[in-house]
N, C-alpha and C. Protein backbone atom coordinates (compact mmCIF):
# COMPACT_ATOMS: atom_id res chain seq x y z
N MET A 1 -13.00 8.91 12.68
CA MET A 1 -11.83 7.70 12.69
C MET A 1 -12.45 6.47 13.61
N ASP A 2 -13.69 6.49 14.04
CA ASP A 2 -14.37 5.72 14.75
C ASP A 2 -14.52 4.38 13.77
N ARG A 3 -14.86 4.70 12.46
CA ARG A 3 -15.11 3.55 11.61
C ARG A 3 -13.78 2.61 11.20
N LEU A 4 -12.69 3.58 11.46
CA LEU A 4 -11.60 2.58 11.21
C LEU A 4 -10.97 2.02 12.36
N ARG A 5 -11.60 2.10 13.43
CA ARG A 5 -11.07 1.50 14.66
C ARG A 5 -10.42 0.10 14.61
N ASN A 6 -11.21 -0.67 13.72
CA ASN A 6 -10.67 -1.99 13.55
C ASN A 6 -9.30 -2.19 13.08
N TYR A 7 -8.72 -1.21 12.75
CA TYR A 7 -7.18 -1.11 12.35
C TYR A 7 -6.16 -0.51 13.23
N ASP A 8 -6.88 -0.43 14.31
CA ASP A 8 -5.65 0.15 15.28
C ASP A 8 -4.90 -1.10 15.89
N ILE A 9 -3.80 -0.78 16.21
CA ILE A 9 -2.90 -1.74 16.68
C ILE A 9 -2.61 -1.12 18.15
N VAL A 10 -3.04 -1.84 19.31
CA VAL A 10 -2.84 -1.40 20.44
C VAL A 10 -1.58 -1.86 20.99
N PHE A 11 -0.66 -1.08 21.35
CA PHE A 11 0.87 -1.39 21.68
C PHE A 11 0.91 -1.21 23.10
N SER A 12 0.09 -0.45 23.85
CA SER A 12 0.46 -0.48 25.23
C SER A 12 0.19 -1.82 25.99
N GLY A 13 0.89 -2.15 27.00
CA GLY A 13 0.57 -3.68 27.52
C GLY A 13 1.42 -4.63 26.52
N LEU A 14 1.86 -4.47 25.50
CA LEU A 14 2.77 -5.41 24.97
C LEU A 14 4.15 -5.30 25.32
N LYS A 15 4.91 -6.39 25.33
CA LYS A 15 6.27 -6.51 25.74
C LYS A 15 6.91 -5.96 24.65
N ASN A 16 8.27 -5.52 24.62
CA ASN A 16 9.28 -4.79 23.74
C ASN A 16 9.38 -6.32 22.81
N GLY A 17 9.61 -6.09 21.46
CA GLY A 17 9.88 -7.12 20.58
C GLY A 17 8.71 -7.12 19.37
N LYS A 18 8.92 -8.11 18.56
CA LYS A 18 7.82 -8.17 17.23
C LYS A 18 6.61 -8.86 17.69
N HIS A 19 5.58 -8.22 16.91
CA HIS A 19 4.33 -8.63 17.17
C HIS A 19 3.74 -8.44 15.68
N THR A 20 2.91 -9.68 15.26
CA THR A 20 2.47 -9.57 13.92
C THR A 20 0.77 -9.46 14.03
N PHE A 21 0.20 -8.78 12.86
CA PHE A 21 -1.17 -8.61 12.86
C PHE A 21 -1.41 -8.96 11.46
N ARG A 22 -2.70 -9.12 11.19
CA ARG A 22 -3.07 -9.63 9.79
C ARG A 22 -4.66 -8.91 9.68
N PHE A 23 -4.89 -8.27 8.43
CA PHE A 23 -6.00 -7.60 8.15
C PHE A 23 -6.57 -8.15 6.92
N GLU A 24 -7.76 -8.39 6.75
CA GLU A 24 -8.17 -8.97 5.39
C GLU A 24 -8.99 -7.46 4.84
N ILE A 25 -8.27 -7.15 3.62
CA ILE A 25 -8.93 -5.89 3.11
C ILE A 25 -9.87 -6.35 1.92
N ASP A 26 -11.03 -5.78 2.12
CA ASP A 26 -12.05 -5.85 0.92
C ASP A 26 -12.80 -4.64 0.59
N LYS A 27 -13.98 -4.72 -0.07
CA LYS A 27 -14.54 -3.56 -0.76
C LYS A 27 -15.15 -2.66 0.37
N GLU A 28 -15.50 -3.41 1.56
CA GLU A 28 -15.91 -2.44 2.91
C GLU A 28 -14.86 -1.32 3.32
N PHE A 29 -13.51 -1.93 3.38
CA PHE A 29 -12.59 -1.10 3.69
C PHE A 29 -12.20 0.24 2.94
N PHE A 30 -12.42 -0.01 1.52
CA PHE A 30 -12.14 1.27 0.83
C PHE A 30 -13.42 2.18 0.84
N ILE A 31 -14.76 1.72 1.18
CA ILE A 31 -15.78 2.47 1.33
C ILE A 31 -15.53 3.38 2.55
N LEU A 32 -14.93 3.05 3.40
CA LEU A 32 -14.63 3.85 4.74
C LEU A 32 -13.69 5.05 4.38
N PHE A 33 -13.05 5.09 3.20
CA PHE A 33 -12.31 6.25 2.75
C PHE A 33 -13.11 7.15 1.71
N ASP A 34 -14.40 6.90 1.48
CA ASP A 34 -15.33 7.90 0.62
C ASP A 34 -14.67 8.35 -0.57
N THR A 35 -13.69 7.70 -1.39
CA THR A 35 -13.16 7.97 -2.52
C THR A 35 -13.57 6.96 -3.56
N GLU A 36 -13.66 7.47 -4.69
CA GLU A 36 -14.13 6.61 -5.97
C GLU A 36 -12.79 5.81 -6.35
N GLN A 37 -13.33 4.49 -6.28
CA GLN A 37 -11.93 3.48 -6.70
C GLN A 37 -12.10 3.29 -8.28
N GLU A 38 -10.73 3.09 -8.66
CA GLU A 38 -10.52 2.65 -10.02
C GLU A 38 -10.59 1.06 -10.05
N PHE A 39 -11.01 0.32 -9.11
CA PHE A 39 -11.07 -1.12 -9.36
C PHE A 39 -12.07 -1.67 -8.43
N THR A 40 -12.51 -2.96 -8.63
CA THR A 40 -13.45 -3.51 -7.93
C THR A 40 -13.01 -4.82 -7.41
N GLU A 41 -13.65 -5.61 -6.65
CA GLU A 41 -13.44 -6.79 -6.07
C GLU A 41 -12.04 -7.11 -5.41
N PRO A 42 -11.54 -5.99 -4.58
CA PRO A 42 -10.43 -6.25 -4.03
C PRO A 42 -10.37 -7.59 -2.97
N ARG A 43 -9.33 -8.35 -3.06
CA ARG A 43 -9.18 -9.47 -2.16
C ARG A 43 -7.49 -9.26 -1.78
N ILE A 44 -7.41 -8.64 -0.63
CA ILE A 44 -6.14 -8.24 -0.23
C ILE A 44 -5.81 -8.49 1.22
N THR A 45 -4.89 -9.05 1.40
CA THR A 45 -4.44 -9.45 2.78
C THR A 45 -3.19 -8.44 3.24
N ALA A 46 -3.46 -7.67 4.34
CA ALA A 46 -2.16 -6.81 4.82
C ALA A 46 -1.73 -7.45 6.11
N ASP A 47 -0.07 -7.73 5.98
CA ASP A 47 0.26 -8.35 7.21
C ASP A 47 1.38 -7.27 7.59
N VAL A 48 0.95 -7.05 8.95
CA VAL A 48 1.55 -5.84 9.61
C VAL A 48 2.43 -6.43 10.92
N THR A 49 3.72 -6.26 10.80
CA THR A 49 4.77 -6.61 11.83
C THR A 49 5.17 -5.40 12.52
N MET A 50 5.06 -5.27 13.97
CA MET A 50 5.48 -4.05 14.76
C MET A 50 6.42 -4.63 15.72
N GLU A 51 7.54 -3.78 15.74
CA GLU A 51 8.46 -4.11 16.84
C GLU A 51 8.44 -3.06 17.67
N LYS A 52 8.23 -3.29 19.03
CA LYS A 52 8.05 -2.25 19.97
C LYS A 52 9.31 -2.13 20.63
N HIS A 53 9.76 -0.92 20.82
CA HIS A 53 11.16 -0.56 21.56
C HIS A 53 10.48 0.28 22.63
N THR A 54 11.46 0.64 23.44
CA THR A 54 11.21 1.50 24.66
C THR A 54 10.79 2.70 24.14
N THR A 55 11.51 3.42 23.13
CA THR A 55 10.97 4.82 22.87
C THR A 55 10.20 4.91 21.61
N PHE A 56 10.24 4.01 20.59
CA PHE A 56 9.53 4.16 19.40
C PHE A 56 9.00 2.86 18.93
N LEU A 57 8.32 2.76 17.84
CA LEU A 57 7.57 1.63 17.10
C LEU A 57 8.18 1.41 15.90
N GLU A 58 8.38 0.38 15.09
CA GLU A 58 8.85 0.19 13.93
C GLU A 58 7.41 -0.67 13.08
N PHE A 59 7.08 -0.15 12.14
CA PHE A 59 6.09 -1.08 11.43
C PHE A 59 6.48 -1.49 9.93
N TRP A 60 6.16 -2.62 9.75
CA TRP A 60 6.39 -3.30 8.42
C TRP A 60 5.17 -3.66 7.94
N ILE A 61 4.67 -3.14 6.80
CA ILE A 61 3.31 -3.29 6.15
C ILE A 61 3.52 -3.93 4.88
N LYS A 62 3.07 -5.07 4.72
CA LYS A 62 3.00 -5.96 3.42
C LYS A 62 1.75 -6.24 3.07
N THR A 63 1.33 -5.57 1.84
CA THR A 63 -0.11 -6.07 1.24
C THR A 63 0.36 -6.70 -0.09
N SER A 64 -0.60 -7.69 -0.02
CA SER A 64 -0.59 -8.82 -1.22
C SER A 64 -2.10 -9.37 -1.46
N GLY A 65 -2.24 -9.39 -2.85
CA GLY A 65 -3.65 -10.01 -3.38
C GLY A 65 -3.87 -9.55 -4.69
N THR A 66 -5.17 -9.33 -5.04
CA THR A 66 -5.48 -8.85 -6.36
C THR A 66 -6.66 -7.79 -6.23
N VAL A 67 -6.74 -7.18 -7.30
CA VAL A 67 -7.81 -6.22 -7.60
C VAL A 67 -8.46 -6.38 -8.87
N ASN A 68 -9.68 -6.20 -9.24
CA ASN A 68 -10.18 -6.18 -10.64
C ASN A 68 -10.15 -4.82 -11.32
N LEU A 69 -9.31 -4.78 -12.53
CA LEU A 69 -9.48 -3.47 -13.15
C LEU A 69 -10.02 -3.65 -14.49
N VAL A 70 -10.36 -2.44 -15.06
CA VAL A 70 -10.90 -2.42 -16.36
C VAL A 70 -9.88 -2.10 -17.38
N CYS A 71 -9.50 -2.55 -18.39
CA CYS A 71 -8.54 -2.34 -19.52
C CYS A 71 -8.79 -1.09 -19.99
N ASP A 72 -7.82 -0.06 -20.25
CA ASP A 72 -8.05 1.28 -20.76
C ASP A 72 -8.11 0.93 -22.28
N ILE A 73 -7.61 -0.13 -22.75
CA ILE A 73 -7.90 -0.30 -24.22
C ILE A 73 -9.16 -1.01 -24.62
N THR A 74 -9.43 -2.14 -24.09
CA THR A 74 -10.43 -3.07 -24.43
C THR A 74 -11.91 -3.04 -23.65
N ASN A 75 -11.63 -2.38 -22.52
CA ASN A 75 -12.85 -2.21 -21.43
C ASN A 75 -13.04 -3.50 -20.82
N ASP A 76 -12.37 -4.69 -21.06
CA ASP A 76 -12.35 -5.80 -20.35
C ASP A 76 -11.85 -5.87 -18.87
N HIS A 77 -12.52 -6.50 -18.07
CA HIS A 77 -12.21 -6.70 -16.72
C HIS A 77 -11.02 -7.70 -16.51
N PHE A 78 -10.16 -7.43 -15.80
CA PHE A 78 -8.90 -8.44 -15.48
C PHE A 78 -8.44 -8.08 -14.08
N ASP A 79 -7.98 -9.31 -13.51
CA ASP A 79 -7.37 -9.49 -12.18
C ASP A 79 -6.05 -8.91 -12.34
N HIS A 80 -5.51 -7.89 -11.37
CA HIS A 80 -4.12 -7.37 -11.32
C HIS A 80 -3.79 -7.59 -9.91
N PRO A 81 -2.28 -8.33 -9.86
CA PRO A 81 -1.90 -8.43 -8.60
C PRO A 81 -1.43 -7.07 -7.92
N VAL A 82 -1.72 -7.32 -6.50
CA VAL A 82 -1.36 -6.18 -5.81
C VAL A 82 -0.24 -6.30 -4.64
N GLU A 83 0.87 -6.12 -4.94
CA GLU A 83 1.94 -6.41 -3.88
C GLU A 83 2.77 -5.13 -3.41
N ASN A 84 2.95 -4.81 -2.25
CA ASN A 84 3.76 -3.64 -1.85
C ASN A 84 4.27 -3.87 -0.43
N GLU A 85 5.40 -3.20 -0.16
CA GLU A 85 5.92 -3.12 1.24
C GLU A 85 6.44 -1.83 1.50
N MET A 86 6.13 -1.58 2.88
CA MET A 86 6.66 -0.15 3.56
C MET A 86 7.15 -0.54 4.70
N LYS A 87 8.00 0.43 5.21
CA LYS A 87 8.24 0.43 6.44
C LYS A 87 8.25 2.01 7.23
N VAL A 88 7.64 1.97 8.19
CA VAL A 88 7.31 3.23 9.01
C VAL A 88 7.88 3.26 10.37
N LEU A 89 8.54 4.36 10.98
CA LEU A 89 8.98 4.37 12.21
C LEU A 89 7.81 5.52 12.79
N VAL A 90 7.41 4.82 13.90
CA VAL A 90 6.57 5.81 14.67
C VAL A 90 7.36 6.03 16.15
N LYS A 91 7.41 7.52 16.24
CA LYS A 91 7.89 8.00 17.50
C LYS A 91 6.89 8.78 18.28
N PHE A 92 7.20 9.07 19.46
CA PHE A 92 6.37 9.57 20.45
C PHE A 92 6.87 11.31 20.57
N GLY A 93 5.76 11.99 20.44
CA GLY A 93 5.97 13.54 20.72
C GLY A 93 4.76 14.15 21.15
N GLU A 94 4.71 15.58 21.10
CA GLU A 94 3.65 16.62 21.70
C GLU A 94 2.60 16.27 20.93
N GLU A 95 2.68 16.27 19.58
CA GLU A 95 1.23 16.02 18.78
C GLU A 95 1.44 15.25 17.45
N TYR A 96 0.42 14.84 16.75
CA TYR A 96 0.64 13.88 15.73
C TYR A 96 1.26 14.81 14.51
N ASP A 97 1.95 14.05 13.84
CA ASP A 97 2.81 14.83 12.81
C ASP A 97 3.22 13.75 11.82
N ASP A 98 2.64 13.84 10.41
CA ASP A 98 2.88 12.63 9.53
C ASP A 98 3.47 13.50 8.27
N SER A 99 4.16 14.70 8.52
CA SER A 99 4.92 15.32 7.38
C SER A 99 5.92 14.60 6.74
N ASP A 100 6.85 13.99 7.65
CA ASP A 100 7.84 12.91 6.93
C ASP A 100 7.17 11.56 6.74
N GLU A 101 7.36 11.20 5.46
CA GLU A 101 6.80 9.99 4.98
C GLU A 101 7.50 8.80 5.63
N ASP A 102 8.69 8.72 6.30
CA ASP A 102 9.14 7.53 6.77
C ASP A 102 9.03 7.60 8.19
N VAL A 103 8.69 8.76 8.96
CA VAL A 103 8.53 8.95 10.43
C VAL A 103 7.22 9.59 10.83
N ILE A 104 6.52 8.90 11.47
CA ILE A 104 5.31 9.51 12.05
C ILE A 104 5.41 9.72 13.56
N THR A 105 4.78 10.82 13.98
CA THR A 105 5.18 11.18 15.36
C THR A 105 3.57 11.08 15.85
N ILE A 106 3.34 10.43 16.94
CA ILE A 106 2.20 10.55 17.44
C ILE A 106 2.15 10.93 18.95
N PRO A 107 1.33 11.48 19.80
CA PRO A 107 1.17 11.90 20.93
C PRO A 107 1.52 10.95 21.96
N SER A 108 2.28 11.11 22.83
CA SER A 108 3.09 10.53 24.02
C SER A 108 1.81 9.44 24.75
N LYS A 109 0.75 10.31 25.00
CA LYS A 109 -0.41 9.73 25.59
C LYS A 109 -1.22 8.49 24.81
N ASP A 110 -1.09 8.44 23.45
CA ASP A 110 -1.62 7.41 22.73
C ASP A 110 -1.28 6.04 23.09
N HIS A 111 -2.13 5.10 23.05
CA HIS A 111 -1.91 3.83 23.45
C HIS A 111 -2.06 2.71 22.09
N ALA A 112 -2.63 3.40 21.11
CA ALA A 112 -2.84 2.54 19.80
C ALA A 112 -2.57 3.47 18.66
N PHE A 113 -2.09 2.69 17.38
CA PHE A 113 -1.62 3.34 16.21
C PHE A 113 -2.62 2.78 15.13
N ASN A 114 -3.26 3.59 14.30
CA ASN A 114 -4.00 3.05 13.36
C ASN A 114 -3.27 3.11 11.99
N VAL A 115 -3.11 1.94 11.46
CA VAL A 115 -2.74 1.58 10.11
C VAL A 115 -3.51 1.58 9.06
N ALA A 116 -4.87 2.11 9.04
CA ALA A 116 -5.58 2.05 8.00
C ALA A 116 -5.20 2.83 6.63
N GLN A 117 -4.71 4.28 7.15
CA GLN A 117 -4.38 4.91 6.00
C GLN A 117 -2.93 4.44 5.43
N LEU A 118 -2.14 3.93 6.07
CA LEU A 118 -0.96 3.34 5.40
C LEU A 118 -1.25 2.14 4.51
N ILE A 119 -2.20 1.21 5.01
CA ILE A 119 -2.64 0.18 4.10
C ILE A 119 -3.27 0.87 2.76
N TYR A 120 -4.04 1.67 3.19
CA TYR A 120 -4.93 2.40 1.80
C TYR A 120 -3.84 2.84 0.93
N GLU A 121 -3.04 3.67 1.41
CA GLU A 121 -2.10 4.36 0.31
C GLU A 121 -1.21 3.21 -0.25
N GLU A 122 -0.66 2.23 0.33
CA GLU A 122 0.02 1.10 -0.37
C GLU A 122 -0.51 0.30 -1.24
N VAL A 123 -2.02 0.19 -1.14
CA VAL A 123 -2.91 -0.46 -2.14
C VAL A 123 -2.86 0.47 -3.31
N MET A 124 -3.16 1.80 -2.92
CA MET A 124 -3.41 2.65 -4.17
C MET A 124 -1.99 3.00 -4.89
N LEU A 125 -1.12 2.94 -4.22
CA LEU A 125 0.14 2.99 -4.95
C LEU A 125 0.81 1.86 -5.91
N ALA A 126 -0.05 0.71 -5.72
CA ALA A 126 0.16 -0.44 -6.39
C ALA A 126 -0.82 -0.66 -7.65
N ILE A 127 -1.73 0.27 -7.81
CA ILE A 127 -2.70 0.24 -9.04
C ILE A 127 -1.83 1.10 -10.23
N PRO A 128 -1.74 0.40 -11.19
CA PRO A 128 -1.10 1.08 -12.39
C PRO A 128 -1.75 2.20 -12.76
N MET A 129 -1.26 3.44 -13.29
CA MET A 129 -1.81 4.41 -14.01
C MET A 129 -2.40 4.12 -15.27
N LYS A 130 -1.55 3.37 -16.12
CA LYS A 130 -2.09 2.65 -17.40
C LYS A 130 -2.41 1.44 -17.33
N LYS A 131 -3.73 1.12 -17.28
CA LYS A 131 -4.21 -0.41 -16.95
C LYS A 131 -4.54 -1.14 -18.21
N ILE A 132 -3.59 -2.06 -18.43
CA ILE A 132 -3.56 -2.90 -19.69
C ILE A 132 -3.65 -4.25 -19.38
N SER A 133 -4.67 -4.97 -19.88
CA SER A 133 -5.20 -6.23 -19.77
C SER A 133 -3.93 -7.41 -20.15
N PRO A 134 -3.44 -8.18 -19.43
CA PRO A 134 -2.29 -9.06 -20.02
C PRO A 134 -2.95 -9.94 -21.04
N ASP A 135 -4.09 -10.02 -21.48
CA ASP A 135 -4.70 -10.74 -22.64
C ASP A 135 -4.23 -9.92 -23.99
N ILE A 136 -3.89 -8.75 -23.71
CA ILE A 136 -3.61 -8.00 -25.07
C ILE A 136 -2.22 -8.38 -25.56
N SER A 137 -2.37 -8.85 -26.92
CA SER A 137 -0.84 -9.28 -27.46
C SER A 137 -0.17 -8.11 -27.89
N ASP A 138 1.15 -8.38 -28.11
CA ASP A 138 2.27 -7.39 -28.51
C ASP A 138 1.64 -6.86 -30.02
N GLU A 139 1.05 -7.58 -30.81
CA GLU A 139 0.49 -7.24 -32.03
C GLU A 139 -0.63 -6.14 -31.99
N ASP A 140 -1.45 -6.33 -30.88
CA ASP A 140 -2.50 -5.43 -30.75
C ASP A 140 -1.64 -4.21 -30.32
N LEU A 141 -0.92 -4.16 -29.50
CA LEU A 141 -0.14 -2.90 -28.91
C LEU A 141 0.58 -2.26 -30.10
N ALA A 142 1.05 -2.89 -30.98
CA ALA A 142 1.79 -2.33 -32.00
C ALA A 142 0.88 -1.62 -33.08
N ILE A 143 -0.29 -2.34 -33.32
CA ILE A 143 -1.31 -1.65 -34.00
C ILE A 143 -1.57 -0.28 -33.55
N LEU A 144 -2.00 -0.41 -32.18
CA LEU A 144 -2.33 0.81 -31.34
C LEU A 144 -1.40 1.91 -31.55
N GLU A 145 -0.17 1.71 -31.28
CA GLU A 145 0.85 2.54 -31.42
C GLU A 145 0.94 3.23 -32.87
N GLN A 146 0.71 2.49 -33.79
CA GLN A 146 0.83 2.93 -35.19
C GLN A 146 -0.38 3.94 -35.58
N PHE A 147 -1.36 3.79 -34.99
CA PHE A 147 -2.37 4.62 -34.95
C PHE A 147 -2.59 5.86 -33.79
N SER A 148 -1.78 5.56 -33.03
CA SER A 148 -2.03 6.95 -31.68
C SER A 148 -1.23 8.01 -32.38
N PRO A 149 -1.77 9.15 -31.68
CA PRO A 149 -1.22 10.32 -32.17
C PRO A 149 0.29 10.56 -31.79
N LYS A 150 1.01 11.12 -32.62
CA LYS A 150 2.57 11.35 -32.15
C LYS A 150 2.83 12.48 -31.85
N GLU A 151 4.09 12.71 -30.91
CA GLU A 151 4.32 13.94 -30.37
C GLU A 151 5.26 14.51 -31.53
N GLU A 152 5.10 15.82 -31.85
CA GLU A 152 5.63 16.55 -32.93
C GLU A 152 7.06 17.05 -32.25
N ILE A 153 7.87 16.67 -32.74
CA ILE A 153 9.45 17.18 -32.40
C ILE A 153 9.76 18.54 -32.89
N GLU A 154 9.81 19.57 -32.32
CA GLU A 154 10.23 20.71 -32.77
C GLU A 154 11.53 20.81 -33.11
N GLU A 155 11.79 21.17 -34.41
CA GLU A 155 13.09 21.37 -34.87
C GLU A 155 13.36 23.06 -34.75
N GLU A 156 14.86 23.09 -34.66
CA GLU A 156 15.35 24.27 -34.28
C GLU A 156 15.32 25.22 -35.84
N PRO A 157 14.71 26.28 -35.68
CA PRO A 157 14.64 26.97 -36.90
C PRO A 157 16.12 27.11 -37.59
N LYS A 158 15.87 26.88 -38.90
CA LYS A 158 16.92 26.90 -39.77
C LYS A 158 17.62 28.62 -39.74
N VAL A 159 18.75 28.81 -39.82
CA VAL A 159 19.27 30.27 -39.72
C VAL A 159 19.60 30.51 -41.23
N ASP A 160 19.02 31.73 -41.49
CA ASP A 160 19.14 32.31 -42.87
C ASP A 160 20.80 32.36 -43.13
N PRO A 161 21.29 31.70 -44.15
CA PRO A 161 22.84 31.84 -44.35
C PRO A 161 23.32 33.29 -44.36
N ARG A 162 22.50 34.15 -44.81
CA ARG A 162 22.90 35.72 -45.04
C ARG A 162 23.42 36.04 -43.72
N TRP A 163 22.67 35.80 -42.62
CA TRP A 163 22.95 36.12 -41.23
C TRP A 163 23.96 35.54 -40.50
N GLU A 164 24.28 34.13 -41.18
CA GLU A 164 25.56 33.47 -40.59
C GLU A 164 26.75 34.41 -41.14
N ALA A 165 26.56 34.67 -42.36
CA ALA A 165 27.98 35.33 -42.89
C ALA A 165 27.86 36.60 -42.25
N LEU A 166 26.96 37.25 -41.95
CA LEU A 166 27.10 38.67 -41.14
C LEU A 166 27.78 38.36 -39.65
N LYS A 167 27.34 37.38 -39.14
CA LYS A 167 27.80 36.97 -37.80
C LYS A 167 29.42 36.54 -37.76
N LYS A 168 29.71 35.86 -38.91
CA LYS A 168 31.17 35.53 -39.11
C LYS A 168 32.01 36.86 -38.99
N LEU A 169 31.47 37.93 -39.90
CA LEU A 169 32.02 39.10 -40.07
C LEU A 169 32.14 40.11 -38.72
N LYS A 170 31.22 39.77 -37.98
CA LYS A 170 30.99 40.43 -36.73
C LYS A 170 32.06 39.93 -35.54
N ASP A 171 32.21 38.55 -35.69
CA ASP A 171 33.12 37.68 -34.78
C ASP A 171 34.59 37.97 -35.09
N LYS A 172 34.84 38.31 -36.40
CA LYS A 172 36.11 38.62 -36.70
C LYS A 172 36.58 40.04 -36.11
N ASN A 173 35.72 40.84 -36.02
CA ASN A 173 36.07 42.11 -35.31
C ASN A 173 36.32 42.17 -33.93
């Protein structure tokens, strides 16, 4: 966690009320997470607003910028806009608990809250699963759709008419 210390928001000593912080997110940030990225050249800004209350903290994290993706169809590189917002409530308790996605509990003795993981998740959620360059025309997509494998729809097996006749006889009785 020492490598992520630059993303600590120290709230002890701050007055109650709103405080803003800005983080520039680049390639070095994602290296800290030791995961393989599906994008290159991230140019992202994370604006964090913290409202300090006596017994809890509220965080609004807004990420915006671009990442460079590789198109799944053409293998061309293109810039994709990244924009996401989240709100998180941080309360104080016995130990760290992030099992609720909207409320995070941190130990009462803590004096700072690290927002790196939240920023990372926000950016990753803004990356589409299917990466299609905006340069691909609707005509190209129609051609791809024409030649792509189709899902076969299973039809219900047709009932032998003799069994239907027997079923009708059975229902009469």
